Amino acid sequence: MGSAEVIHPFHPLRGQRCVFLKARCVSGVETLSLRDAHRGSFAIPRDWTECTRPEAQASATSLPLLIKAFAYNQSGGDR
């Protein structure tokens, strides 16, 4: 298991790291189930945590390739 830090500015657990239990979609919103030692388990929108979607993350090795592809397209190399 992992953990997630609550970052929403008005959430009572802001700045605290909680144990990650599972991820799911509730009414179209990506939601994480977390567990706090004092409050038990609770659900929170993924956007209210420091977690990002895996497909939104770029690795250090893929960034140079993206830059090179962008430069190639800007120079008209695909014409």
Foldseek 3Di string as FASTA:
>chain_A
DAWWAFCAPPDPRHRHIFAWDDWDADPNFIWTWTQDPPPGIDIDGPVRIPDDDPVVDDDPVCVVVVVVVVVCVVVVVVD
